[in-house]
Every structure is written in structure tokens, then in C-alpha cells.
Amino acid sequence: MTYNERCIQEALYLIKYKTTVRETAKAFNVSKSTVHKDVTDRLKKANVKLYYKVKEILDENFSVRHIRGGEATRRKYAKIKKPDEKMP
């Protein structure tokens, strides 16, 4: 599979399932850096229309990134129970 074929396949997957770069990377067994480079730089040269569709999803993911991070942190600390703090 060439770079162009891979970036188009990643773009179609990202659009179809509205996934993040990390989720797409896991599905294609490549690094998130590779997916990001594929769907930004290489895709723009391979298929401009597809690039703009992917760009919309990436922009949306970027705009809610801080919310996703906050939710993950909240879930993490919800699992950790704090011991009762008693003063001697």
C-alpha cells in the first residue's frame, strides 16, 4: 500500500466513524504521528475534497479535546478512593 492509498483509507475511516487520530492510528496499526501527517499533508496533495472533510472532523476533535481530557481525569480519580483524613 502506498502513502497515498493509506492516507485515503485513513481519511475514509476517520470520516465514516468520526474517530480521533489516536483511534484511527490504532485501527491501522500505525503511530498517531503517521496518521496526522497522512490526513493533513499527504491527503491535501492526494485528494483535496477529502482533505476538507477530514479537516472539519479534526477541528471538531480539537475543539473538544480539553473536555475529553477532563472527563478521563475525572474517571481516573473516581476510581481512586481517598482515605479518610483524620487529624491526630
C-alpha atoms as a PDB file:
ATOM      1  CA  MET A   1       0.000   0.000   0.000  1.00  0.00           C
ATOM      2  CA  THR A   2       1.421   3.385  -0.971  1.00  0.00           C
ATOM      3  CA  TYR A   3       1.330   6.530   1.155  1.00  0.00           C
ATOM      4  CA  ASN A   4      -1.489   7.960  -0.939  1.00  0.00           C
ATOM      5  CA  GLU A   5      -3.611   4.819  -0.652  1.00  0.00           C
ATOM      6  CA  ARG A   6      -3.048   4.637   3.102  1.00  0.00           C
ATOM      7  CA  CYS A   7      -3.888   8.286   3.706  1.00  0.00           C
ATOM      8  CA  ILE A   8      -7.096   7.982   1.685  1.00  0.00           C
ATOM      9  CA  GLN A   9      -8.101   4.821   3.570  1.00  0.00           C
ATOM     10  CA  GLU A  10      -7.377   6.534   6.904  1.00  0.00           C
ATOM     11  CA  ALA A  11      -9.373   9.573   5.831  1.00  0.00           C
ATOM     12  CA  LEU A  12     -12.365   7.482   4.790  1.00  0.00           C
ATOM     13  CA  TYR A  13     -12.233   5.604   8.103  1.00  0.00           C
ATOM     14  CA  LEU A  14     -11.961   8.849  10.087  1.00  0.00           C
ATOM     15  CA  ILE A  15     -14.942  10.327   8.235  1.00  0.00           C
ATOM     16  CA  LYS A  16     -17.112   7.200   8.400  1.00  0.00           C
ATOM     17  CA  TYR A  17     -16.636   6.542  12.117  1.00  0.00           C
ATOM     18  CA  LYS A  18     -15.835  10.132  13.220  1.00  0.00           C
ATOM     19  CA  THR A  19     -12.831   8.861  15.152  1.00  0.00           C
ATOM     20  CA  THR A  20      -9.882  10.666  16.636  1.00  0.00           C
ATOM     21  CA  VAL A  21      -6.371  10.476  15.240  1.00  0.00           C
ATOM     22  CA  ARG A  22      -5.404   8.059  18.044  1.00  0.00           C
ATOM     23  CA  GLU A  23      -8.359   5.755  17.337  1.00  0.00           C
ATOM     24  CA  THR A  24      -7.579   5.783  13.618  1.00  0.00           C
ATOM     25  CA  ALA A  25      -3.919   5.029  14.294  1.00  0.00           C
ATOM     26  CA  LYS A  26      -4.876   2.056  16.431  1.00  0.00           C
ATOM     27  CA  ALA A  27      -7.205   0.734  13.712  1.00  0.00           C
ATOM     28  CA  PHE A  28      -4.463   0.955  11.058  1.00  0.00           C
ATOM     29  CA  ASN A  29      -1.643  -0.159  13.363  1.00  0.00           C
ATOM     30  CA  VAL A  30       0.461   2.955  12.765  1.00  0.00           C
ATOM     31  CA  SER A  31       1.516   5.816  15.017  1.00  0.00           C
ATOM     32  CA  LYS A  32      -0.683   8.825  15.645  1.00  0.00           C
ATOM     33  CA  SER A  33       2.034  10.992  14.108  1.00  0.00           C
ATOM     34  CA  THR A  34       1.805   8.987  10.902  1.00  0.00           C
ATOM     35  CA  VAL A  35      -1.972   9.338  10.750  1.00  0.00           C
ATOM     36  CA  HIS A  36      -1.764  13.061  11.431  1.00  0.00           C
ATOM     37  CA  LYS A  37       0.844  13.540   8.691  1.00  0.00           C
ATOM     38  CA  ASP A  38      -1.201  11.374   6.314  1.00  0.00           C
ATOM     39  CA  VAL A  39      -4.514  13.193   6.803  1.00  0.00           C
ATOM     40  CA  THR A  40      -3.053  16.682   6.811  1.00  0.00           C
ATOM     41  CA  ASP A  41      -0.035  16.904   4.493  1.00  0.00           C
ATOM     42  CA  ARG A  42      -0.288  13.871   2.222  1.00  0.00           C
ATOM     43  CA  LEU A  43      -4.067  13.878   1.879  1.00  0.00           C
ATOM     44  CA  LYS A  44      -4.102  17.507   0.793  1.00  0.00           C
ATOM     45  CA  LYS A  45      -1.932  16.534  -2.173  1.00  0.00           C
ATOM     46  CA  ALA A  46      -3.788  13.282  -2.897  1.00  0.00           C
ATOM     47  CA  ASN A  47      -7.441  14.358  -2.570  1.00  0.00           C
ATOM     48  CA  VAL A  48      -8.352  17.932  -1.692  1.00  0.00           C
ATOM     49  CA  LYS A  49     -12.103  17.343  -1.255  1.00  0.00           C
ATOM     50  CA  LEU A  50     -11.467  14.509   1.181  1.00  0.00           C
ATOM     51  CA  TYR A  51      -8.913  16.667   2.982  1.00  0.00           C
ATOM     52  CA  TYR A  52     -11.511  19.353   3.753  1.00  0.00           C
ATOM     53  CA  LYS A  53     -13.974  16.786   5.102  1.00  0.00           C
ATOM     54  CA  VAL A  54     -11.295  15.371   7.394  1.00  0.00           C
ATOM     55  CA  LYS A  55     -10.243  18.869   8.424  1.00  0.00           C
ATOM     56  CA  GLU A  56     -13.761  19.533   9.739  1.00  0.00           C
ATOM     57  CA  ILE A  57     -13.601  16.436  11.940  1.00  0.00           C
ATOM     58  CA  LEU A  58     -10.086  17.239  13.154  1.00  0.00           C
ATOM     59  CA  ASP A  59     -11.157  20.790  14.019  1.00  0.00           C
ATOM     60  CA  GLU A  60     -14.151  19.434  15.941  1.00  0.00           C
ATOM     61  CA  ASN A  61     -11.929  16.969  17.821  1.00  0.00           C
ATOM     62  CA  PHE A  62      -9.510  19.771  18.637  1.00  0.00           C
ATOM     63  CA  SER A  63     -12.291  21.971  19.984  1.00  0.00           C
ATOM     64  CA  VAL A  64     -13.496  19.301  22.445  1.00  0.00           C
ATOM     65  CA  ARG A  65     -10.084  17.913  23.388  1.00  0.00           C
ATOM     66  CA  HIS A  66      -9.987  19.682  26.735  1.00  0.00           C
ATOM     67  CA  ILE A  67     -13.404  18.244  27.632  1.00  0.00           C
ATOM     68  CA  ARG A  68     -12.331  14.695  26.770  1.00  0.00           C
ATOM     69  CA  GLY A  69      -9.175  15.110  28.835  1.00  0.00           C
ATOM     70  CA  GLY A  70     -11.147  16.428  31.796  1.00  0.00           C
ATOM     71  CA  GLU A  71     -13.579  13.511  31.629  1.00  0.00           C
ATOM     72  CA  ALA A  72     -10.741  10.994  31.525  1.00  0.00           C
ATOM     73  CA  THR A  73      -9.139  12.597  34.567  1.00  0.00           C
ATOM     74  CA  ARG A  74     -12.448  12.641  36.433  1.00  0.00           C
ATOM     75  CA  ARG A  75     -12.981   8.938  35.758  1.00  0.00           C
ATOM     76  CA  LYS A  76      -9.415   8.154  36.802  1.00  0.00           C
ATOM     77  CA  TYR A  77      -9.758   9.846  40.178  1.00  0.00           C
ATOM     78  CA  ALA A  78     -13.256   8.483  40.740  1.00  0.00           C
ATOM     79  CA  LYS A  79     -11.692   5.021  40.775  1.00  0.00           C
ATOM     80  CA  ILE A  80      -9.162   6.070  43.404  1.00  0.00           C
ATOM     81  CA  LYS A  81     -10.877   6.420  46.757  1.00  0.00           C
ATOM     82  CA  LYS A  82      -9.349   8.859  49.165  1.00  0.00           C
ATOM     83  CA  PRO A  83      -8.747   7.540  52.672  1.00  0.00           C
ATOM     84  CA  ASP A  84     -10.488   9.375  55.479  1.00  0.00           C
ATOM     85  CA  GLU A  85      -8.293  12.202  56.565  1.00  0.00           C
ATOM     86  CA  LYS A  86      -8.210  12.217  60.340  1.00  0.00           C
ATOM     87  CA  MET A  87      -6.274  14.681  62.386  1.00  0.00           C
ATOM     88  CA  PRO A  88      -4.258  13.179  65.312  1.00  0.00           C
END
